[in-house]
Every structure is written in C-alpha cells, then in structure tokens.
Amino acid sequence: MQLNIETKQPIAVTLHVYDYEGSVQIEENKYSLSMGVNNIVYNKPSMYEWYYYLIEYRDPLGNGYWYEINEWDY
C-alpha cells in the first residue's frame, strides 16, 4: 500500500493494521512526517489477504485524528 500525505506542519503518524475491523491489531508502524508531501509505503503481510487500517495523526498540541481504510469494503 502506498500513501501520499501532504501536511502543513511536521506531524507524527501511526499506522495500525488489523485482519478486519474489530479484530486484534497485527502490526503497528510509526512515521514522522515533515512539512510538505510525504510518501509512506507499507508492505502488507500477505498480498492475498484484505486488511483494515487505522491511520492515527497527532499534531504538536497532542490532538488526535483517525482515518480508516477498509479493504473489505471494496
């Protein structure tokens, strides 16, 4: 999976990976993004399986934002 994320300020991002929504987390990756366009490449545990991802952003004030990608919905 490849994500292109543009930010207006440096920000911390955590990618949480699950087999499906509501299951036990199988992987967690942390990234530090700089201002501008950032490219994140994540290699799935199996290219033959679908996964559920939560992308957690933390700004410098500690506010959290969550986005989801659910491959089961496609």
C-alpha atoms as a PDB file:
ATOM      1  CA  MET A   1       0.000   0.000   0.000  1.00  0.00           C
ATOM      2  CA  GLN A   2       1.274   3.470  -0.853  1.00  0.00           C
ATOM      3  CA  LEU A   3       0.045   6.649   0.811  1.00  0.00           C
ATOM      4  CA  ASN A   4       0.882  10.203  -0.213  1.00  0.00           C
ATOM      5  CA  ILE A   5       0.152  12.576   2.653  1.00  0.00           C
ATOM      6  CA  GLU A   6       0.585  16.336   2.478  1.00  0.00           C
ATOM      7  CA  THR A   7       0.998  18.234   5.749  1.00  0.00           C
ATOM      8  CA  LYS A   8       1.278  21.920   6.625  1.00  0.00           C
ATOM      9  CA  GLN A   9       3.480  21.153   9.644  1.00  0.00           C
ATOM     10  CA  PRO A  10       5.552  18.256  10.987  1.00  0.00           C
ATOM     11  CA  ILE A  11       3.308  15.542  12.406  1.00  0.00           C
ATOM     12  CA  ALA A  12       3.534  12.050  13.903  1.00  0.00           C
ATOM     13  CA  VAL A  13       1.555   9.248  12.224  1.00  0.00           C
ATOM     14  CA  THR A  14       0.842   5.715  13.433  1.00  0.00           C
ATOM     15  CA  LEU A  15      -0.463   3.060  11.043  1.00  0.00           C
ATOM     16  CA  HIS A  16      -2.445   0.348  12.867  1.00  0.00           C
ATOM     17  CA  VAL A  17      -3.088  -2.857  10.891  1.00  0.00           C
ATOM     18  CA  TYR A  18      -5.832  -5.415  11.615  1.00  0.00           C
ATOM     19  CA  ASP A  19      -7.107  -8.529   9.837  1.00  0.00           C
ATOM     20  CA  TYR A  20     -10.578  -6.958   9.904  1.00  0.00           C
ATOM     21  CA  GLU A  21     -12.449  -4.245  11.801  1.00  0.00           C
ATOM     22  CA  GLY A  22     -12.731  -5.170  15.480  1.00  0.00           C
ATOM     23  CA  SER A  23     -10.001  -7.823  15.378  1.00  0.00           C
ATOM     24  CA  VAL A  24      -6.731  -7.834  17.311  1.00  0.00           C
ATOM     25  CA  GLN A  25      -4.050  -5.479  15.964  1.00  0.00           C
ATOM     26  CA  ILE A  26      -1.435  -7.421  13.990  1.00  0.00           C
ATOM     27  CA  GLU A  27       1.040  -4.625  13.290  1.00  0.00           C
ATOM     28  CA  GLU A  28       1.829  -1.011  14.171  1.00  0.00           C
ATOM     29  CA  ASN A  29       4.200   1.328  12.339  1.00  0.00           C
ATOM     30  CA  LYS A  30       5.161   4.862  13.393  1.00  0.00           C
ATOM     31  CA  TYR A  31       6.203   7.607  10.993  1.00  0.00           C
ATOM     32  CA  SER A  32       7.428  11.183  11.439  1.00  0.00           C
ATOM     33  CA  LEU A  33       6.194  13.328   8.565  1.00  0.00           C
ATOM     34  CA  SER A  34       7.778  16.611   7.563  1.00  0.00           C
ATOM     35  CA  MET A  35       6.008  19.634   6.142  1.00  0.00           C
ATOM     36  CA  GLY A  36       5.005  19.071   2.502  1.00  0.00           C
ATOM     37  CA  VAL A  37       4.260  15.845   0.615  1.00  0.00           C
ATOM     38  CA  ASN A  38       5.306  12.595   2.311  1.00  0.00           C
ATOM     39  CA  ASN A  39       5.271   9.140   0.761  1.00  0.00           C
ATOM     40  CA  ILE A  40       4.598   6.117   3.002  1.00  0.00           C
ATOM     41  CA  VAL A  41       4.976   2.630   1.582  1.00  0.00           C
ATOM     42  CA  TYR A  42       3.605  -0.251   3.646  1.00  0.00           C
ATOM     43  CA  ASN A  43       4.203  -3.880   2.648  1.00  0.00           C
ATOM     44  CA  LYS A  44       1.148  -5.947   3.533  1.00  0.00           C
ATOM     45  CA  PRO A  45       1.763  -9.200   5.467  1.00  0.00           C
ATOM     46  CA  SER A  46       0.082 -11.089   2.597  1.00  0.00           C
ATOM     47  CA  MET A  47      -0.845  -9.703  -0.811  1.00  0.00           C
ATOM     48  CA  TYR A  48      -3.659 -12.262  -0.991  1.00  0.00           C
ATOM     49  CA  GLU A  49      -5.492 -11.015   2.112  1.00  0.00           C
ATOM     50  CA  TRP A  50      -7.605  -7.934   2.819  1.00  0.00           C
ATOM     51  CA  TYR A  51      -6.865  -5.749   5.826  1.00  0.00           C
ATOM     52  CA  TYR A  52      -8.341  -2.963   7.912  1.00  0.00           C
ATOM     53  CA  TYR A  53      -6.119   0.061   8.629  1.00  0.00           C
ATOM     54  CA  LEU A  54      -6.404   2.911  11.113  1.00  0.00           C
ATOM     55  CA  ILE A  55      -4.210   5.918  10.471  1.00  0.00           C
ATOM     56  CA  GLU A  56      -3.662   7.994  13.604  1.00  0.00           C
ATOM     57  CA  TYR A  57      -2.341  11.564  13.370  1.00  0.00           C
ATOM     58  CA  ARG A  58      -1.034  13.511  16.348  1.00  0.00           C
ATOM     59  CA  ASP A  59      -0.415  17.221  15.988  1.00  0.00           C
ATOM     60  CA  PRO A  60       2.091  19.200  18.114  1.00  0.00           C
ATOM     61  CA  LEU A  61      -0.702  20.075  20.590  1.00  0.00           C
ATOM     62  CA  GLY A  62      -1.483  16.383  21.147  1.00  0.00           C
ATOM     63  CA  ASN A  63      -4.799  16.382  19.278  1.00  0.00           C
ATOM     64  CA  GLY A  64      -5.549  13.029  17.656  1.00  0.00           C
ATOM     65  CA  TYR A  65      -7.214  12.358  14.309  1.00  0.00           C
ATOM     66  CA  TRP A  66      -8.207   8.925  12.975  1.00  0.00           C
ATOM     67  CA  TYR A  67      -8.814   7.799   9.404  1.00  0.00           C
ATOM     68  CA  GLU A  68      -9.678   4.302   8.255  1.00  0.00           C
ATOM     69  CA  ILE A  69      -9.031   2.247   5.153  1.00  0.00           C
ATOM     70  CA  ASN A  70     -11.118  -0.915   4.991  1.00  0.00           C
ATOM     71  CA  GLU A  71     -10.133  -3.212   2.127  1.00  0.00           C
ATOM     72  CA  TRP A  72     -13.142  -5.396   2.967  1.00  0.00           C
ATOM     73  CA  ASP A  73     -15.406  -2.608   1.647  1.00  0.00           C
ATOM     74  CA  TYR A  74     -14.008  -2.778  -1.899  1.00  0.00           C
END
